[in-house]
Amino acid sequence: MDQLGINIGFYFVHLINFIIMFIILRKWAFIPIMNVLERRRETVSQGIEDARVAAEARANAEQEAEKILADARAKAADEAREITARAEAQLKDVGAAAEVEATKIKEAAQVDAQAARDQALGEVRGQVAALSIAAAQKLVGEALDEQRQRALIGEFFSGVKSGKVSVVEGASVSGDSAVVTSALPLTDAEQGTVKNEVLAKLGSGGEVEFKVDPSILGGLVVRIGDKILDDSVAGKLGAMRQTLR
């Protein structure tokens, strides 16, 4: 060693110093630094893992939120359709009810108008009878039997002669119901006679309805099923016009 210029003692001193320095640096520098770096690496890894978990949680939350939103939209759409359907149904019901009510009011008005017209025509019937009697007396220049005149006028409007309804007498008809039309309202007695005569043709289970139509002028028109028995003045005048052509 001396030949190489190396001092053995100095060499060992430096070696010992190096070993001591290495031990000190390792214990007080290298190991703490490595520990710090390891903790830093673990912190970074944990941060990355936390970020990944947070990203997954956010993605799951977004998916759940989208699902909830879609369900809410679907539910809202269903409720809107249901509300619309109920509203339309209620509107239809209201419209139908209003139409029914309007029809009832119209029918009631027609019935009232018919009743008022029949009442007015019933009152006119007495006046017509009085005017007819007065006109007949003036024509012949003497007083006539008023009771006989009233009977003739009654026969003219009711079609009932000597307790018989001429329009159905001898007629062959059948049906469940009949509509009897007169120019002026018939009295209760006249309706009873006509009803009995018509029911004798229909049978006890038949129905008879009475109507008033001034256009037939006098006499009766009886409709049974699709058959019409016309003994009205207007019908006779029409037949006469056809004959004279």
Protein backbone atom coordinates (compact mmCIF):
# COMPACT_ATOMS: atom_id res chain seq x y z
CA MET A 1 0.00 0.00 0.00
CA ASP A 2 2.89 2.29 0.87
CA GLN A 3 4.34 1.63 -2.57
CA LEU A 4 1.04 2.82 -4.08
CA GLY A 5 1.11 5.93 -2.00
CA ILE A 6 -1.85 4.88 0.13
CA ASN A 7 -1.75 5.39 3.83
CA ILE A 8 -3.42 2.41 5.46
CA GLY A 9 -4.33 4.28 8.59
CA PHE A 10 -5.77 7.19 6.68
CA TYR A 11 -7.65 4.76 4.47
CA PHE A 12 -9.30 3.02 7.41
CA VAL A 13 -10.17 6.33 8.95
CA HIS A 14 -11.94 7.43 5.79
CA LEU A 15 -13.63 4.04 5.46
CA ILE A 16 -14.91 4.26 8.99
CA ASN A 17 -16.08 7.81 8.39
CA PHE A 18 -17.87 6.70 5.20
CA ILE A 19 -19.56 3.83 7.03
CA ILE A 20 -20.64 6.12 9.83
CA MET A 21 -21.84 8.73 7.33
CA PHE A 22 -23.72 6.06 5.38
CA ILE A 23 -25.38 4.78 8.53
CA ILE A 24 -26.34 8.32 9.56
CA LEU A 25 -27.61 9.26 6.11
CA ARG A 26 -29.52 6.02 5.77
CA LYS A 27 -31.13 6.36 9.16
CA TRP A 28 -31.79 10.06 9.15
CA ALA A 29 -32.09 10.86 5.47
CA PHE A 30 -32.65 7.94 3.10
CA ILE A 31 -35.26 6.07 5.17
CA PRO A 32 -37.34 9.21 6.06
CA ILE A 33 -37.16 10.35 2.45
CA MET A 34 -38.25 6.90 1.26
CA ASN A 35 -41.02 6.88 3.82
CA VAL A 36 -42.15 10.31 2.66
CA LEU A 37 -42.08 9.19 -0.96
CA GLU A 38 -43.97 5.99 -0.09
CA ARG A 39 -46.62 7.96 1.79
CA ARG A 40 -46.81 10.37 -1.11
CA ARG A 41 -47.23 7.48 -3.54
CA GLU A 42 -49.92 5.94 -1.35
CA THR A 43 -51.65 9.32 -1.07
CA VAL A 44 -51.56 9.75 -4.83
CA SER A 45 -52.84 6.19 -5.35
CA GLN A 46 -55.59 6.77 -2.80
CA GLY A 47 -56.48 10.03 -4.50
CA ILE A 48 -56.66 8.28 -7.86
CA GLU A 49 -58.81 5.52 -6.34
CA ASP A 50 -61.05 8.05 -4.65
CA ALA A 51 -61.39 9.92 -7.92
CA ARG A 52 -62.31 6.70 -9.70
CA VAL A 53 -64.87 5.81 -7.02
CA ALA A 54 -66.25 9.36 -7.17
CA ALA A 55 -66.47 9.19 -10.96
CA GLU A 56 -68.32 5.87 -10.74
CA ALA A 57 -70.60 7.27 -8.06
CA ARG A 58 -71.29 10.35 -10.16
CA ALA A 59 -71.99 8.19 -13.23
CA ASN A 60 -74.32 5.99 -11.18
CA ALA A 61 -75.98 9.08 -9.71
CA GLU A 62 -76.45 10.54 -13.19
CA GLN A 63 -77.95 7.28 -14.44
CA GLU A 64 -80.25 7.09 -11.42
CA ALA A 65 -81.21 10.73 -11.85
CA GLU A 66 -81.93 10.15 -15.54
CA LYS A 67 -84.03 7.11 -14.66
CA ILE A 68 -85.94 9.05 -12.02
CA LEU A 69 -86.45 11.91 -14.49
CA ALA A 70 -87.64 9.51 -17.19
CA ASP A 71 -90.03 7.85 -14.74
CA ALA A 72 -91.31 11.25 -13.65
CA ARG A 73 -91.82 12.31 -17.26
CA ALA A 74 -93.65 9.07 -18.05
CA LYS A 75 -95.81 9.42 -14.95
CA ALA A 76 -96.55 13.05 -15.77
CA ALA A 77 -97.47 12.09 -19.34
CA ASP A 78 -99.75 9.31 -18.08
CA GLU A 79 -101.41 11.67 -15.61
CA ALA A 80 -101.82 14.30 -18.32
CA ARG A 81 -103.44 11.75 -20.64
CA GLU A 82 -105.68 10.55 -17.82
CA ILE A 83 -106.68 14.10 -16.91
CA THR A 84 -107.32 14.90 -20.57
CA ALA A 85 -109.40 11.74 -20.99
CA ARG A 86 -111.42 12.55 -17.85
CA ALA A 87 -111.91 16.13 -19.01
CA GLU A 88 -113.06 14.98 -22.44
CA ALA A 89 -115.39 12.42 -20.88
CA GLN A 90 -116.83 15.05 -18.52
CA LEU A 91 -117.19 17.46 -21.43
CA LYS A 92 -119.03 14.81 -23.42
CA ASP A 93 -121.23 14.06 -20.41
CA VAL A 94 -121.97 17.75 -19.96
CA GLY A 95 -122.70 18.12 -23.67
CA ALA A 96 -124.91 15.04 -23.67
CA ALA A 97 -126.71 16.22 -20.53
CA ALA A 98 -127.19 19.67 -22.03
CA GLU A 99 -128.51 18.15 -25.25
CA VAL A 100 -130.89 15.91 -23.31
CA GLU A 101 -132.04 18.87 -21.23
CA ALA A 102 -132.50 21.00 -24.35
CA THR A 103 -134.50 18.18 -25.96
CA LYS A 104 -136.68 17.89 -22.85
CA ILE A 105 -137.26 21.65 -22.81
CA LYS A 106 -138.09 21.61 -26.53
CA GLU A 107 -140.46 18.68 -26.12
CA ALA A 108 -142.09 20.32 -23.09
CA ALA A 109 -142.48 23.54 -25.06
CA GLN A 110 -144.03 21.64 -27.95
CA VAL A 111 -146.41 19.86 -25.58
CA ASP A 112 -147.34 23.18 -23.93
CA ALA A 113 -147.84 24.81 -27.33
CA GLN A 114 -149.96 21.88 -28.51
CA ALA A 115 -152.03 22.03 -25.33
CA ALA A 116 -152.50 25.81 -25.68
CA ARG A 117 -153.49 25.42 -29.33
CA ASP A 118 -155.94 22.62 -28.54
CA GLN A 119 -157.44 24.71 -25.73
CA ALA A 120 -157.80 27.69 -28.07
CA LEU A 121 -159.37 25.52 -30.76
CA GLY A 122 -161.72 24.01 -28.16
CA GLU A 123 -162.88 27.49 -27.25
CA VAL A 124 -163.26 28.36 -30.94
CA ARG A 125 -165.46 25.29 -31.47
CA GLY A 126 -168.29 26.83 -29.45
CA GLN A 127 -167.99 30.07 -31.34
CA VAL A 128 -168.04 28.21 -34.66
CA ALA A 129 -171.18 26.40 -33.61
CA ALA A 130 -172.90 29.66 -32.62
CA LEU A 131 -171.88 31.38 -35.86
CA SER A 132 -173.06 28.41 -37.94
CA ILE A 133 -176.45 28.39 -36.24
CA ALA A 134 -176.83 32.15 -36.71
CA ALA A 135 -175.85 31.90 -40.38
CA ALA A 136 -178.35 29.06 -40.97
CA GLN A 137 -181.16 30.99 -39.31
CA LYS A 138 -180.40 34.05 -41.40
CA LEU A 139 -180.43 32.02 -44.61
CA VAL A 140 -183.78 30.38 -43.98
CA GLY A 141 -185.27 33.45 -42.35
CA GLU A 142 -186.65 31.66 -39.30
CA ALA A 143 -185.46 30.19 -36.05
CA LEU A 144 -184.13 26.66 -36.20
CA ASP A 145 -183.85 23.97 -33.58
CA GLU A 146 -180.63 25.03 -31.85
CA GLN A 147 -180.12 21.61 -30.27
CA ARG A 148 -180.40 19.93 -33.67
CA GLN A 149 -178.02 22.48 -35.18
CA ARG A 150 -175.45 21.85 -32.46
CA ALA A 151 -175.77 18.09 -32.99
CA LEU A 152 -175.13 18.50 -36.72
CA ILE A 153 -172.08 20.70 -36.05
CA GLY A 154 -170.82 18.17 -33.52
CA GLU A 155 -171.17 15.39 -36.08
CA PHE A 156 -169.34 17.54 -38.62
CA PHE A 157 -166.27 18.00 -36.40
CA SER A 158 -166.29 14.70 -34.50
CA GLY A 159 -167.29 12.26 -37.22
CA VAL A 160 -169.66 10.64 -34.69
CA LYS A 161 -173.20 10.15 -36.02
CA SER A 162 -175.90 8.57 -33.91
CA GLY A 163 -173.27 7.18 -31.56
CA LYS A 164 -171.26 5.57 -34.38
CA VAL A 165 -167.88 6.55 -35.81
CA SER A 166 -168.51 6.48 -39.53
CA VAL A 167 -164.86 6.34 -40.53
CA VAL A 168 -164.25 2.95 -38.86
CA GLU A 169 -167.72 1.52 -39.31
CA GLY A 170 -167.43 -1.49 -41.61
CA ALA A 171 -163.64 -1.05 -41.98
CA SER A 172 -161.36 -4.08 -41.71
CA VAL A 173 -158.22 -3.05 -39.85
CA SER A 174 -155.79 -4.53 -37.36
CA GLY A 175 -152.99 -3.18 -35.24
CA ASP A 176 -151.78 -2.35 -31.74
CA SER A 177 -152.40 1.39 -31.78
CA ALA A 178 -154.32 4.09 -33.57
CA VAL A 179 -153.94 7.85 -34.06
CA VAL A 180 -157.18 9.79 -34.41
CA THR A 181 -156.93 13.29 -35.89
CA SER A 182 -159.73 15.85 -35.77
CA ALA A 183 -160.00 19.45 -36.96
CA LEU A 184 -160.99 20.68 -33.47
CA PRO A 185 -160.49 19.05 -30.06
CA LEU A 186 -163.09 16.43 -29.32
CA THR A 187 -165.13 16.54 -26.15
CA ASP A 188 -164.59 13.87 -23.50
CA ALA A 189 -167.81 12.15 -24.56
CA GLU A 190 -166.78 12.20 -28.23
CA GLN A 191 -163.31 10.86 -27.39
CA GLY A 192 -164.92 8.07 -25.35
CA THR A 193 -167.17 7.07 -28.23
CA VAL A 194 -164.34 7.18 -30.79
CA LYS A 195 -161.99 5.27 -28.49
CA ASN A 196 -164.53 2.53 -27.86
CA GLU A 197 -165.25 2.15 -31.58
CA VAL A 198 -161.54 2.04 -32.48
CA LEU A 199 -160.67 -0.38 -29.66
CA ALA A 200 -163.41 -2.64 -30.89
CA LYS A 201 -161.32 -2.95 -34.05
CA LEU A 202 -157.93 -3.17 -32.31
CA GLY A 203 -158.78 -5.22 -29.26
CA SER A 204 -158.74 -4.35 -25.56
CA GLY A 205 -154.94 -4.13 -25.46
CA GLY A 206 -154.71 -1.39 -28.10
CA GLU A 207 -153.88 2.27 -27.55
CA VAL A 208 -155.62 5.30 -29.03
CA GLU A 209 -153.95 8.71 -29.37
CA PHE A 210 -155.85 11.88 -30.24
CA LYS A 211 -154.38 14.75 -32.27
CA VAL A 212 -155.72 18.04 -33.66
CA ASP A 213 -155.06 19.32 -37.17
CA PRO A 214 -157.29 22.21 -38.31
CA SER A 215 -156.23 21.67 -41.93
CA ILE A 216 -158.54 18.64 -42.26
CA LEU A 217 -161.47 21.13 -41.74
CA GLY A 218 -163.83 18.53 -40.24
CA GLY A 219 -164.46 14.81 -39.81
CA LEU A 220 -161.78 12.35 -38.70
CA VAL A 221 -158.62 10.74 -40.01
CA VAL A 222 -157.73 7.46 -38.31
CA ARG A 223 -154.32 5.88 -38.80
CA ILE A 224 -153.95 2.25 -37.75
CA GLY A 225 -150.56 0.78 -38.57
CA ASP A 226 -149.85 1.66 -42.19
CA LYS A 227 -153.51 2.03 -43.07
CA ILE A 228 -155.22 5.44 -43.11
CA LEU A 229 -158.99 5.82 -42.86
CA ASP A 230 -159.80 9.33 -44.10
CA ASP A 231 -163.30 10.70 -43.52
CA SER A 232 -162.19 14.31 -43.25
CA VAL A 233 -163.70 17.24 -45.11
CA ALA A 234 -160.31 18.03 -46.65
CA GLY A 235 -160.00 14.43 -47.83
CA LYS A 236 -163.45 14.49 -49.38
CA LEU A 237 -162.73 17.79 -51.13
CA GLY A 238 -159.49 16.37 -52.47
CA ALA A 239 -161.26 13.30 -53.79
CA MET A 240 -163.88 15.54 -55.38
CA ARG A 241 -161.21 17.61 -57.12
CA GLN A 242 -159.65 14.43 -58.50
CA THR A 243 -163.05 13.31 -59.80
CA LEU A 244 -163.74 16.64 -61.51
CA ARG A 245 -160.45 16.65 -63.43
